[in-house]
């Protein structure tokens, strides 16, 4: 699977580890930065990944900041993105199955790297459930302004 990934300074260390992990799992990973842990503004990096996903350059997106919250808020401003801030593998599977999430945001400060790897495994291996959930996802899309 082709995955676009980025972080801010707070998520930089885990992003680097996750790039290596995803590549070791056979994924095609596009690292959108940053290249150092110097202070940056997370919306800039959330936008890069969000546009990769909605533009078809990546099938899924991964964003890492201190909590994952800011990245989720920023990514969800891009029409077509359904980003979820996730802290457990169970929630990762549910955000895919029920919400067809296409971007996941992770905490680089409060969630251990091994847990984030398990979260990504669940996010990337779970299919959208469709059925009763499809109509709800359509209603979410209808809320987008542009």
Protein backbone atom coordinates (compact mmCIF):
# COMPACT_ATOMS: atom_id res chain seq x y z
CA UNK A 1 0.00 0.00 0.00
CA UNK A 2 1.22 3.53 -0.73
CA UNK A 3 1.27 5.60 2.45
CA UNK A 4 1.99 9.30 2.92
CA UNK A 5 3.41 10.17 6.35
CA UNK A 6 4.47 13.36 8.12
CA UNK A 7 4.90 14.80 11.58
CA UNK A 8 5.72 17.94 13.45
CA UNK A 9 8.73 18.31 15.75
CA UNK A 10 6.97 16.53 18.64
CA UNK A 11 6.21 13.49 16.49
CA UNK A 12 9.46 13.49 14.51
CA UNK A 13 11.25 10.68 16.37
CA UNK A 14 8.31 8.29 16.16
CA UNK A 15 7.63 9.27 12.54
CA UNK A 16 11.17 8.21 11.65
CA UNK A 17 10.63 4.86 13.38
CA UNK A 18 7.25 4.38 11.72
CA UNK A 19 8.66 5.09 8.25
CA UNK A 20 11.15 2.27 8.78
CA UNK A 21 8.48 -0.01 10.24
CA UNK A 22 6.03 0.56 7.38
CA UNK A 23 8.76 0.01 4.78
CA UNK A 24 9.76 -3.24 6.54
CA UNK A 25 6.14 -4.37 6.19
CA UNK A 26 6.34 -3.89 2.41
CA UNK A 27 4.55 -0.57 2.13
CA UNK A 28 5.58 2.18 -0.29
CA UNK A 29 6.16 5.10 2.08
CA UNK A 30 6.28 8.77 1.05
CA UNK A 31 7.87 10.78 3.88
CA UNK A 32 6.55 14.35 3.60
CA UNK A 33 8.76 15.63 6.42
CA UNK A 34 10.05 17.29 8.33
CA UNK A 35 13.66 16.20 7.98
CA UNK A 36 14.71 17.30 11.49
CA UNK A 37 13.13 17.80 14.89
CA UNK A 38 13.36 21.60 14.58
CA UNK A 39 10.12 23.35 15.55
CA UNK A 40 7.56 23.42 12.71
CA UNK A 41 3.85 24.15 12.35
CA UNK A 42 1.82 20.93 12.18
CA UNK A 43 -0.91 22.27 9.82
CA UNK A 44 1.69 22.59 7.05
CA UNK A 45 2.50 18.89 7.25
CA UNK A 46 -1.08 17.76 7.80
CA UNK A 47 -2.01 19.54 4.56
CA UNK A 48 0.70 17.75 2.58
CA UNK A 49 -0.48 14.30 3.63
CA UNK A 50 -4.18 15.17 3.35
CA UNK A 51 -3.73 16.39 -0.22
CA UNK A 52 -1.69 13.28 -1.10
CA UNK A 53 -4.60 11.10 0.04
CA UNK A 54 -7.45 13.01 -1.62
CA UNK A 55 -5.34 13.56 -4.74
CA UNK A 56 -4.75 9.83 -5.13
CA UNK A 57 -0.99 9.99 -4.58
CA UNK A 58 -1.38 7.79 -1.48
CA UNK A 59 -4.01 5.29 -0.39
CA UNK A 60 -3.73 6.22 3.28
CA UNK A 61 -2.14 8.94 5.39
CA UNK A 62 -0.33 8.88 8.72
CA UNK A 63 0.33 11.98 10.82
CA UNK A 64 2.24 12.17 14.11
CA UNK A 65 2.38 15.10 16.53
CA UNK A 66 2.53 15.39 20.30
CA UNK A 67 -1.03 14.19 20.84
CA UNK A 68 -2.32 13.62 17.30
CA UNK A 69 -5.18 16.00 18.01
CA UNK A 70 -3.90 19.05 16.14
CA UNK A 71 -3.00 16.97 13.11
CA UNK A 72 -6.52 15.48 13.03
CA UNK A 73 -8.17 18.89 13.26
CA UNK A 74 -5.97 20.26 10.46
CA UNK A 75 -6.26 17.25 8.14
CA UNK A 76 -10.04 17.16 8.47
CA UNK A 77 -10.22 20.66 6.96
CA UNK A 78 -9.30 19.13 3.57
CA UNK A 79 -12.40 17.95 1.70
CA UNK A 80 -12.38 14.18 1.31
CA UNK A 81 -10.25 13.46 4.37
CA UNK A 82 -11.64 11.44 7.22
CA UNK A 83 -8.88 11.66 9.83
CA UNK A 84 -9.14 10.03 13.23
CA UNK A 85 -6.89 10.52 16.24
CA UNK A 86 -6.31 6.99 17.53
CA UNK A 87 -4.66 5.64 20.69
CA UNK A 88 -5.52 1.91 20.51
CA UNK A 89 -5.53 -0.81 17.86
CA UNK A 90 -9.21 -1.50 18.54
CA UNK A 91 -10.16 2.10 17.76
CA UNK A 92 -7.97 1.96 14.63
CA UNK A 93 -9.94 -1.00 13.31
CA UNK A 94 -13.23 0.70 14.13
CA UNK A 95 -12.30 3.99 12.45
CA UNK A 96 -11.70 2.01 9.26
CA UNK A 97 -14.65 -0.37 9.55
CA UNK A 98 -17.26 2.19 10.58
CA UNK A 99 -15.95 5.54 9.28
CA UNK A 100 -13.77 4.60 6.29
CA UNK A 101 -11.02 6.77 7.80
CA UNK A 102 -8.29 7.44 5.26
CA UNK A 103 -5.87 9.33 7.53
CA UNK A 104 -4.79 8.32 11.01
CA UNK A 105 -3.20 10.67 13.51
CA UNK A 106 -0.98 9.38 16.28
CA UNK A 107 0.55 10.66 19.49
CA UNK A 108 4.32 10.78 19.51
CA UNK A 109 4.49 11.82 23.17
CA UNK A 110 1.85 9.76 24.97
CA UNK A 111 1.72 6.47 23.04
CA UNK A 112 4.64 4.05 22.93
CA UNK A 113 6.15 3.19 19.52
CA UNK A 114 5.10 -0.47 19.74
CA UNK A 115 1.50 0.53 20.35
CA UNK A 116 1.59 2.95 17.42
CA UNK A 117 2.91 0.12 15.23
CA UNK A 118 0.00 -2.09 16.33
CA UNK A 119 -2.38 0.80 15.65
CA UNK A 120 -1.00 1.13 12.11
CA UNK A 121 -1.28 -2.62 11.55
CA UNK A 122 -4.98 -2.48 12.45
CA UNK A 123 -5.59 0.70 10.43
CA UNK A 124 -3.94 -0.67 7.31
CA UNK A 125 -5.42 -4.17 7.46
CA UNK A 126 -9.05 -3.33 8.23
CA UNK A 127 -11.48 -2.82 5.37
CA UNK A 128 -14.42 -0.43 5.38
CA UNK A 129 -17.51 -2.35 6.48
CA UNK A 130 -19.92 -0.63 4.09
CA UNK A 131 -23.53 -1.58 4.69
CA UNK A 132 -25.20 0.60 7.29
CA UNK A 133 -21.97 2.58 7.66
CA UNK A 134 -21.87 3.67 4.00
CA UNK A 135 -24.85 6.00 4.35
CA UNK A 136 -23.30 7.61 7.39
CA UNK A 137 -20.01 8.21 5.60
CA UNK A 138 -21.99 9.77 2.72
CA UNK A 139 -23.66 12.10 5.22
CA UNK A 140 -20.23 13.08 6.57
CA UNK A 141 -19.08 13.90 3.05
CA UNK A 142 -22.21 15.99 2.50
CA UNK A 143 -21.18 18.20 5.43
CA UNK A 144 -18.00 19.31 3.62
CA UNK A 145 -18.02 22.88 2.43
CA UNK A 146 -15.28 22.53 -0.11
